[in-house]
Amino acid sequence: MRINARLDDEYVLKLNYLQRQTEKSVTEIIKLALDAYYQEFAQQKHPIDILADSGFIGCGEAGSHLSTDYKSELTDSLEDKYGLTQ
């Protein structure tokens, strides 16, 4: 694949510096930069995968009604824990 890119002065200076320091061609520098970026990106996990791997999802237990009665369940739990009543 042939790539045509426009670089502002800052990136031209960086590219020239890398060419002088490494004695590599622009093509080689771009390939190395793409490899480095790809490795960084490929190692990142999606947040849902992190949660699934952690065992957090599905670790709790509750009745099937919790999604509708969570406020009263929380109130009861806090009353039991702290002895508070309304």
PDB file of N, CA and C in Angstrom:
ATOM      1  N   MET A   1       0.849  -1.174   0.000  1.00  0.00           N
ATOM      2  CA  MET A   1       0.000   0.000   0.000  1.00  0.00           C
ATOM      3  C   MET A   1       0.894   1.236   0.000  1.00  0.00           C
ATOM      4  N   ARG A   2       0.495   2.191  -0.754  1.00  0.00           N
ATOM      5  CA  ARG A   2       1.211   3.453  -0.796  1.00  0.00           C
ATOM      6  C   ARG A   2       0.441   4.452   0.058  1.00  0.00           C
ATOM      7  N   ILE A   3       1.167   5.207   0.891  1.00  0.00           N
ATOM      8  CA  ILE A   3       0.536   6.179   1.785  1.00  0.00           C
ATOM      9  C   ILE A   3       1.065   7.569   1.454  1.00  0.00           C
ATOM     10  N   ASN A   4       0.149   8.517   1.369  1.00  0.00           N
ATOM     11  CA  ASN A   4       0.506   9.913   1.163  1.00  0.00           C
ATOM     12  C   ASN A   4      -0.021  10.669   2.375  1.00  0.00           C
ATOM     13  N   ALA A   5       0.868  11.286   3.147  1.00  0.00           N
ATOM     14  CA  ALA A   5       0.441  11.949   4.375  1.00  0.00           C
ATOM     15  C   ALA A   5       0.974  13.374   4.428  1.00  0.00           C
ATOM     16  N   ARG A   6       0.176  14.252   5.009  1.00  0.00           N
ATOM     17  CA  ARG A   6       0.614  15.628   5.237  1.00  0.00           C
ATOM     18  C   ARG A   6       1.032  15.738   6.697  1.00  0.00           C
ATOM     19  N   LEU A   7       2.213  16.275   6.921  1.00  0.00           N
ATOM     20  CA  LEU A   7       2.720  16.451   8.278  1.00  0.00           C
ATOM     21  C   LEU A   7       2.998  17.927   8.521  1.00  0.00           C
ATOM     22  N   ASP A   8       2.601  18.410   9.701  1.00  0.00           N
ATOM     23  CA  ASP A   8       2.958  19.788  10.028  1.00  0.00           C
ATOM     24  C   ASP A   8       4.431  19.837  10.438  1.00  0.00           C
ATOM     25  N   ASP A   9       4.938  21.033  10.649  1.00  0.00           N
ATOM     26  CA  ASP A   9       6.371  21.221  10.903  1.00  0.00           C
ATOM     27  C   ASP A   9       6.876  20.416  12.096  1.00  0.00           C
ATOM     28  N   GLU A  10       6.069  20.322  13.137  1.00  0.00           N
ATOM     29  CA  GLU A  10       6.480  19.578  14.340  1.00  0.00           C
ATOM     30  C   GLU A  10       6.777  18.114  14.005  1.00  0.00           C
ATOM     31  N   TYR A  11       5.898  17.500  13.229  1.00  0.00           N
ATOM     32  CA  TYR A  11       6.083  16.091  12.890  1.00  0.00           C
ATOM     33  C   TYR A  11       7.185  15.888  11.854  1.00  0.00           C
ATOM     34  N   VAL A  12       7.377  16.865  10.995  1.00  0.00           N
ATOM     35  CA  VAL A  12       8.490  16.787  10.046  1.00  0.00           C
ATOM     36  C   VAL A  12       9.806  16.776  10.811  1.00  0.00           C
ATOM     37  N   LEU A  13       9.924  17.651  11.819  1.00  0.00           N
ATOM     38  CA  LEU A  13      11.138  17.682  12.640  1.00  0.00           C
ATOM     39  C   LEU A  13      11.339  16.359  13.371  1.00  0.00           C
ATOM     40  N   LYS A  14      10.263  15.819  13.915  1.00  0.00           N
ATOM     41  CA  LYS A  14      10.363  14.536  14.624  1.00  0.00           C
ATOM     42  C   LYS A  14      10.783  13.417  13.678  1.00  0.00           C
ATOM     43  N   LEU A  15      10.179  13.396  12.504  1.00  0.00           N
ATOM     44  CA  LEU A  15      10.512  12.361  11.529  1.00  0.00           C
ATOM     45  C   LEU A  15      11.967  12.488  11.068  1.00  0.00           C
ATOM     46  N   ASN A  16      12.400  13.699  10.798  1.00  0.00           N
ATOM     47  CA  ASN A  16      13.792  13.911  10.399  1.00  0.00           C
ATOM     48  C   ASN A  16      14.753  13.494  11.507  1.00  0.00           C
ATOM     49  N   TYR A  17      14.400  13.818  12.739  1.00  0.00           N
ATOM     50  CA  TYR A  17      15.238  13.431  13.878  1.00  0.00           C
ATOM     51  C   TYR A  17      15.357  11.905  13.959  1.00  0.00           C
ATOM     52  N   LEU A  18      14.230  11.226  13.845  1.00  0.00           N
ATOM     53  CA  LEU A  18      14.245   9.762  13.902  1.00  0.00           C
ATOM     54  C   LEU A  18      15.061   9.165  12.759  1.00  0.00           C
ATOM     55  N   GLN A  19      14.960   9.753  11.592  1.00  0.00           N
ATOM     56  CA  GLN A  19      15.749   9.253  10.458  1.00  0.00           C
ATOM     57  C   GLN A  19      17.248   9.399  10.728  1.00  0.00           C
ATOM     58  N   ARG A  20      17.642  10.556  11.242  1.00  0.00           N
ATOM     59  CA  ARG A  20      19.066  10.773  11.526  1.00  0.00           C
ATOM     60  C   ARG A  20      19.563   9.845  12.626  1.00  0.00           C
ATOM     61  N   GLN A  21      18.768   9.690  13.688  1.00  0.00           N
ATOM     62  CA  GLN A  21      19.207   8.897  14.838  1.00  0.00           C
ATOM     63  C   GLN A  21      19.226   7.398  14.554  1.00  0.00           C
ATOM     64  N   THR A  22      18.281   6.940  13.766  1.00  0.00           N
ATOM     65  CA  THR A  22      18.162   5.492  13.536  1.00  0.00           C
ATOM     66  C   THR A  22      18.732   5.047  12.195  1.00  0.00           C
ATOM     67  N   GLU A  23      18.960   6.011  11.308  1.00  0.00           N
ATOM     68  CA  GLU A  23      19.405   5.706   9.944  1.00  0.00           C
ATOM     69  C   GLU A  23      18.426   4.768   9.229  1.00  0.00           C
ATOM     70  N   LYS A  24      17.158   4.949   9.531  1.00  0.00           N
ATOM     71  CA  LYS A  24      16.109   4.161   8.888  1.00  0.00           C
ATOM     72  C   LYS A  24      15.342   5.048   7.915  1.00  0.00           C
ATOM     73  N   SER A  25      14.691   4.403   6.962  1.00  0.00           N
ATOM     74  CA  SER A  25      13.887   5.143   5.987  1.00  0.00           C
ATOM     75  C   SER A  25      12.558   5.556   6.615  1.00  0.00           C
ATOM     76  N   VAL A  26      11.886   6.475   5.935  1.00  0.00           N
ATOM     77  CA  VAL A  26      10.557   6.900   6.390  1.00  0.00           C
ATOM     78  C   VAL A  26       9.629   5.692   6.461  1.00  0.00           C
ATOM     79  N   THR A  27       9.693   4.829   5.476  1.00  0.00           N
ATOM     80  CA  THR A  27       8.854   3.627   5.461  1.00  0.00           C
ATOM     81  C   THR A  27       9.113   2.764   6.686  1.00  0.00           C
ATOM     82  N   GLU A  28      10.377   2.553   7.016  1.00  0.00           N
ATOM     83  CA  GLU A  28      10.712   1.726   8.181  1.00  0.00           C
ATOM     84  C   GLU A  28      10.223   2.367   9.479  1.00  0.00           C
ATOM     85  N   ILE A  29      10.375   3.685   9.583  1.00  0.00           N
ATOM     86  CA  ILE A  29       9.927   4.392  10.792  1.00  0.00           C
ATOM     87  C   ILE A  29       8.413   4.295  10.934  1.00  0.00           C
ATOM     88  N   ILE A  30       7.692   4.465   9.840  1.00  0.00           N
ATOM     89  CA  ILE A  30       6.227   4.354   9.890  1.00  0.00           C
ATOM     90  C   ILE A  30       5.810   2.937  10.265  1.00  0.00           C
ATOM     91  N   LYS A  31       6.480   1.940   9.715  1.00  0.00           N
ATOM     92  CA  LYS A  31       6.159   0.553  10.069  1.00  0.00           C
ATOM     93  C   LYS A  31       6.392   0.299  11.555  1.00  0.00           C
ATOM     94  N   LEU A  32       7.520   0.795  12.078  1.00  0.00           N
ATOM     95  CA  LEU A  32       7.814   0.615  13.506  1.00  0.00           C
ATOM     96  C   LEU A  32       6.787   1.336  14.377  1.00  0.00           C
ATOM     97  N   ALA A  33       6.407   2.545  13.956  1.00  0.00           N
ATOM     98  CA  ALA A  33       5.404   3.300  14.712  1.00  0.00           C
ATOM     99  C   ALA A  33       4.063   2.575  14.704  1.00  0.00           C
ATOM    100  N   LEU A  34       3.678   2.031  13.555  1.00  0.00           N
ATOM    101  CA  LEU A  34       2.427   1.274  13.471  1.00  0.00           C
ATOM    102  C   LEU A  34       2.476   0.015  14.322  1.00  0.00           C
ATOM    103  N   ASP A  35       3.617  -0.675  14.302  1.00  0.00           N
ATOM    104  CA  ASP A  35       3.768  -1.869  15.141  1.00  0.00           C
ATOM    105  C   ASP A  35       3.621  -1.526  16.618  1.00  0.00           C
ATOM    106  N   ALA A  36       4.263  -0.433  17.044  1.00  0.00           N
ATOM    107  CA  ALA A  36       4.198  -0.027  18.452  1.00  0.00           C
ATOM    108  C   ALA A  36       2.769   0.355  18.837  1.00  0.00           C
ATOM    109  N   TYR A  37       2.103   1.112  17.995  1.00  0.00           N
ATOM    110  CA  TYR A  37       0.729   1.526  18.276  1.00  0.00           C
ATOM    111  C   TYR A  37      -0.213   0.328  18.277  1.00  0.00           C
ATOM    112  N   TYR A  38      -0.018  -0.582  17.338  1.00  0.00           N
ATOM    113  CA  TYR A  38      -0.845  -1.785  17.269  1.00  0.00           C
ATOM    114  C   TYR A  38      -0.684  -2.620  18.535  1.00  0.00           C
ATOM    115  N   GLN A  39       0.545  -2.797  18.994  1.00  0.00           N
ATOM    116  CA  GLN A  39       0.789  -3.579  20.206  1.00  0.00           C
ATOM    117  C   GLN A  39       0.113  -2.936  21.413  1.00  0.00           C
ATOM    118  N   GLU A  40       0.203  -1.622  21.503  1.00  0.00           N
ATOM    119  CA  GLU A  40      -0.436  -0.906  22.611  1.00  0.00           C
ATOM    120  C   GLU A  40      -1.949  -1.096  22.570  1.00  0.00           C
ATOM    121  N   PHE A  41      -2.522  -0.970  21.397  1.00  0.00           N
ATOM    122  CA  PHE A  41      -3.965  -1.086  21.237  1.00  0.00           C
ATOM    123  C   PHE A  41      -4.435  -2.519  21.431  1.00  0.00           C
ATOM    124  N   ALA A  42      -3.700  -3.468  20.897  1.00  0.00           N
ATOM    125  CA  ALA A  42      -4.101  -4.877  20.959  1.00  0.00           C
ATOM    126  C   ALA A  42      -4.074  -5.409  22.384  1.00  0.00           C
ATOM    127  N   GLN A  43      -3.253  -4.823  23.246  1.00  0.00           N
ATOM    128  CA  GLN A  43      -3.150  -5.296  24.623  1.00  0.00           C
ATOM    129  C   GLN A  43      -4.276  -4.766  25.500  1.00  0.00           C
ATOM    130  N   GLN A  44      -4.979  -3.743  25.034  1.00  0.00           N
ATOM    131  CA  GLN A  44      -6.068  -3.176  25.822  1.00  0.00           C
ATOM    132  C   GLN A  44      -7.273  -4.110  25.767  1.00  0.00           C
ATOM    133  N   LYS A  45      -7.915  -4.265  26.903  1.00  0.00           N
ATOM    134  CA  LYS A  45      -9.116  -5.090  26.954  1.00  0.00           C
ATOM    135  C   LYS A  45     -10.338  -4.187  27.075  1.00  0.00           C
ATOM    136  N   HIS A  46     -11.411  -4.646  26.518  1.00  0.00           N
ATOM    137  CA  HIS A  46     -12.680  -3.937  26.638  1.00  0.00           C
ATOM    138  C   HIS A  46     -13.125  -4.017  28.098  1.00  0.00           C
ATOM    139  N   PRO A  47     -13.699  -2.941  28.635  1.00  0.00           N
ATOM    140  CA  PRO A  47     -14.110  -2.947  30.047  1.00  0.00           C
ATOM    141  C   PRO A  47     -15.015  -4.121  30.429  1.00  0.00           C
ATOM    142  N   ILE A  48     -15.904  -4.544  29.550  1.00  0.00           N
ATOM    143  CA  ILE A  48     -16.785  -5.668  29.880  1.00  0.00           C
ATOM    144  C   ILE A  48     -15.985  -6.956  30.009  1.00  0.00           C
ATOM    145  N   ASP A  49     -14.922  -7.099  29.209  1.00  0.00           N
ATOM    146  CA  ASP A  49     -14.065  -8.281  29.318  1.00  0.00           C
ATOM    147  C   ASP A  49     -13.308  -8.283  30.641  1.00  0.00           C
ATOM    148  N   ILE A  50     -12.873  -7.108  31.077  1.00  0.00           N
ATOM    149  CA  ILE A  50     -12.174  -7.002  32.363  1.00  0.00           C
ATOM    150  C   ILE A  50     -13.111  -7.416  33.494  1.00  0.00           C
ATOM    151  N   LEU A  51     -14.342  -6.921  33.460  1.00  0.00           N
ATOM    152  CA  LEU A  51     -15.316  -7.300  34.492  1.00  0.00           C
ATOM    153  C   LEU A  51     -15.626  -8.790  34.447  1.00  0.00           C
ATOM    154  N   ALA A  52     -15.800  -9.322  33.268  1.00  0.00           N
ATOM    155  CA  ALA A  52     -16.116 -10.750  33.143  1.00  0.00           C
ATOM    156  C   ALA A  52     -14.972 -11.605  33.668  1.00  0.00           C
ATOM    157  N   ASP A  53     -13.741 -11.224  33.351  1.00  0.00           N
ATOM    158  CA  ASP A  53     -12.576 -11.985  33.809  1.00  0.00           C
ATOM    159  C   ASP A  53     -12.364 -11.879  35.314  1.00  0.00           C
ATOM    160  N   SER A  54     -12.818 -10.773  35.910  1.00  0.00           N
ATOM    161  CA  SER A  54     -12.581 -10.552  37.337  1.00  0.00           C
ATOM    162  C   SER A  54     -13.481 -11.410  38.225  1.00  0.00           C
ATOM    163  N   GLY A  55     -14.559 -11.927  37.666  1.00  0.00           N
ATOM    164  CA  GLY A  55     -15.500 -12.697  38.466  1.00  0.00           C
ATOM    165  C   GLY A  55     -16.519 -11.818  39.175  1.00  0.00           C
ATOM    166  N   PHE A  56     -16.460 -10.507  38.951  1.00  0.00           N
ATOM    167  CA  PHE A  56     -17.378  -9.587  39.614  1.00  0.00           C
ATOM    168  C   PHE A  56     -18.810  -9.775  39.126  1.00  0.00           C
ATOM    169  N   ILE A  57     -18.963  -9.976  37.820  1.00  0.00           N
ATOM    170  CA  ILE A  57     -20.305 -10.151  37.265  1.00  0.00           C
ATOM    171  C   ILE A  57     -20.848 -11.500  37.717  1.00  0.00           C
ATOM    172  N   GLY A  58     -22.005 -11.463  38.317  1.00  0.00           N
ATOM    173  CA  GLY A  58     -22.653 -12.689  38.759  1.00  0.00           C
ATOM    174  C   GLY A  58     -22.212 -13.173  40.124  1.00  0.00           C
ATOM    175  N   CYS A  59     -21.421 -12.377  40.847  1.00  0.00           N
ATOM    176  CA  CYS A  59     -20.931 -12.848  42.144  1.00  0.00           C
ATOM    177  C   CYS A  59     -21.934 -12.591  43.268  1.00  0.00           C
ATOM    178  N   GLY A  60     -22.897 -11.723  43.036  1.00  0.00           N
ATOM    179  CA  GLY A  60     -23.868 -11.412  44.078  1.00  0.00           C
ATOM    180  C   GLY A  60     -25.079 -12.323  44.009  1.00  0.00           C
ATOM    181  N   GLU A  61     -25.770 -12.384  45.123  1.00  0.00           N
ATOM    182  CA  GLU A  61     -26.983 -13.191  45.173  1.00  0.00           C
ATOM    183  C   GLU A  61     -28.125 -12.334  45.692  1.00  0.00           C
ATOM    184  N   ALA A  62     -29.272 -12.469  45.069  1.00  0.00           N
ATOM    185  CA  ALA A  62     -30.455 -11.736  45.499  1.00  0.00           C
ATOM    186  C   ALA A  62     -31.668 -12.361  44.834  1.00  0.00           C
ATOM    187  N   GLY A  63     -32.815 -11.989  45.334  1.00  0.00           N
ATOM    188  CA  GLY A  63     -34.047 -12.479  44.744  1.00  0.00           C
ATOM    189  C   GLY A  63     -34.272 -11.881  43.366  1.00  0.00           C
ATOM    190  N   SER A  64     -35.146 -12.491  42.616  1.00  0.00           N
ATOM    191  CA  SER A  64     -35.414 -12.024  41.257  1.00  0.00           C
ATOM    192  C   SER A  64     -36.138 -10.679  41.239  1.00  0.00           C
ATOM    193  N   HIS A  65     -36.662 -10.250  42.366  1.00  0.00           N
ATOM    194  CA  HIS A  65     -37.406  -8.997  42.456  1.00  0.00           C
ATOM    195  C   HIS A  65     -36.519  -7.794  42.799  1.00  0.00           C
ATOM    196  N   LEU A  66     -35.232  -7.997  42.966  1.00  0.00           N
ATOM    197  CA  LEU A  66     -34.356  -6.936  43.444  1.00  0.00           C
ATOM    198  C   LEU A  66     -34.378  -5.702  42.545  1.00  0.00           C
ATOM    199  N   SER A  67     -34.505  -5.873  41.261  1.00  0.00           N
ATOM    200  CA  SER A  67     -34.475  -4.712  40.363  1.00  0.00           C
ATOM    201  C   SER A  67     -35.653  -3.773  40.595  1.00  0.00           C
ATOM    202  N   THR A  68     -36.737  -4.272  41.152  1.00  0.00           N
ATOM    203  CA  THR A  68     -37.887  -3.410  41.427  1.00  0.00           C
ATOM    204  C   THR A  68     -37.994  -3.017  42.891  1.00  0.00           C
ATOM    205  N   ASP A  69     -37.440  -3.836  43.787  1.00  0.00           N
ATOM    206  CA  ASP A  69     -37.565  -3.577  45.224  1.00  0.00           C
ATOM    207  C   ASP A  69     -36.252  -3.172  45.888  1.00  0.00           C
ATOM    208  N   TYR A  70     -35.293  -2.696  45.098  1.00  0.00           N
ATOM    209  CA  TYR A  70     -33.970  -2.437  45.664  1.00  0.00           C
ATOM    210  C   TYR A  70     -33.981  -1.368  46.754  1.00  0.00           C
ATOM    211  N   LYS A  71     -34.861  -0.369  46.650  1.00  0.00           N
ATOM    212  CA  LYS A  71     -34.880   0.693  47.662  1.00  0.00           C
ATOM    213  C   LYS A  71     -35.320   0.153  49.020  1.00  0.00           C
ATOM    214  N   SER A  72     -36.368  -0.639  49.034  1.00  0.00           N
ATOM    215  CA  SER A  72     -36.824  -1.185  50.314  1.00  0.00           C
ATOM    216  C   SER A  72     -35.824  -2.191  50.858  1.00  0.00           C
ATOM    217  N   GLU A  73     -35.175  -2.963  49.975  1.00  0.00           N
ATOM    218  CA  GLU A  73     -34.145  -3.914  50.417  1.00  0.00           C
ATOM    219  C   GLU A  73     -32.971  -3.174  51.047  1.00  0.00           C
ATOM    220  N   LEU A  74     -32.555  -2.067  50.426  1.00  0.00           N
ATOM    221  CA  LEU A  74     -31.452  -1.280  50.964  1.00  0.00           C
ATOM    222  C   LEU A  74     -31.839  -0.660  52.300  1.00  0.00           C
ATOM    223  N   THR A  75     -33.045  -0.133  52.380  1.00  0.00           N
ATOM    224  CA  THR A  75     -33.520   0.451  53.636  1.00  0.00           C
ATOM    225  C   THR A  75     -33.527  -0.588  54.746  1.00  0.00           C
ATOM    226  N   ASP A  76     -34.046  -1.774  54.462  1.00  0.00           N
ATOM    227  CA  ASP A  76     -34.068  -2.850  55.461  1.00  0.00           C
ATOM    228  C   ASP A  76     -32.657  -3.230  55.889  1.00  0.00           C
ATOM    229  N   SER A  77     -31.762  -3.313  54.938  1.00  0.00           N
ATOM    230  CA  SER A  77     -30.382  -3.682  55.237  1.00  0.00           C
ATOM    231  C   SER A  77     -29.717  -2.641  56.127  1.00  0.00           C
ATOM    232  N   LEU A  78     -29.939  -1.363  55.827  1.00  0.00           N
ATOM    233  CA  LEU A  78     -29.351  -0.295  56.640  1.00  0.00           C
ATOM    234  C   LEU A  78     -29.972  -0.253  58.033  1.00  0.00           C
ATOM    235  N   GLU A  79     -31.267  -0.514  58.119  1.00  0.00           N
ATOM    236  CA  GLU A  79     -31.918  -0.568  59.429  1.00  0.00           C
ATOM    237  C   GLU A  79     -31.339  -1.698  60.270  1.00  0.00           C
ATOM    238  N   ASP A  80     -31.124  -2.858  59.649  1.00  0.00           N
ATOM    239  CA  ASP A  80     -30.532  -3.988  60.368  1.00  0.00           C
ATOM    240  C   ASP A  80     -29.115  -3.670  60.825  1.00  0.00           C
ATOM    241  N   LYS A  81     -28.369  -3.010  59.973  1.00  0.00           N
ATOM    242  CA  LYS A  81     -26.965  -2.746  60.277  1.00  0.00           C
ATOM    243  C   LYS A  81     -26.804  -1.647  61.323  1.00  0.00           C
ATOM    244  N   TYR A  82     -27.567  -0.572  61.202  1.00  0.00           N
ATOM    245  CA  TYR A  82     -27.371   0.585  62.068  1.00  0.00           C
ATOM    246  C   TYR A  82     -28.498   0.795  63.077  1.00  0.00           C
ATOM    247  N   GLY A  83     -29.518  -0.042  63.040  1.00  0.00           N
ATOM    248  CA  GLY A  83     -30.615   0.076  63.991  1.00  0.00           C
ATOM    249  C   GLY A  83     -31.464   1.311  63.774  1.00  0.00           C
ATOM    250  N   LEU A  84     -31.507   1.784  62.571  1.00  0.00           N
ATOM    251  CA  LEU A  84     -32.288   2.979  62.267  1.00  0.00           C
ATOM    252  C   LEU A  84     -33.676   2.577  61.814  1.00  0.00           C
ATOM    253  N   THR A  85     -34.647   3.379  62.162  1.00  0.00           N
ATOM    254  CA  THR A  85     -36.011   3.157  61.673  1.00  0.00           C
ATOM    255  C   THR A  85     -36.550   4.472  61.162  1.00  0.00           C
ATOM    256  N   GLN A  86     -37.501   4.369  60.262  1.00  0.00           N
ATOM    257  CA  GLN A  86     -38.075   5.597  59.692  1.00  0.00           C
ATOM    258  C   GLN A  86     -39.217   6.082  60.537  1.00  0.00           C
TER     259      GLN A  86
END
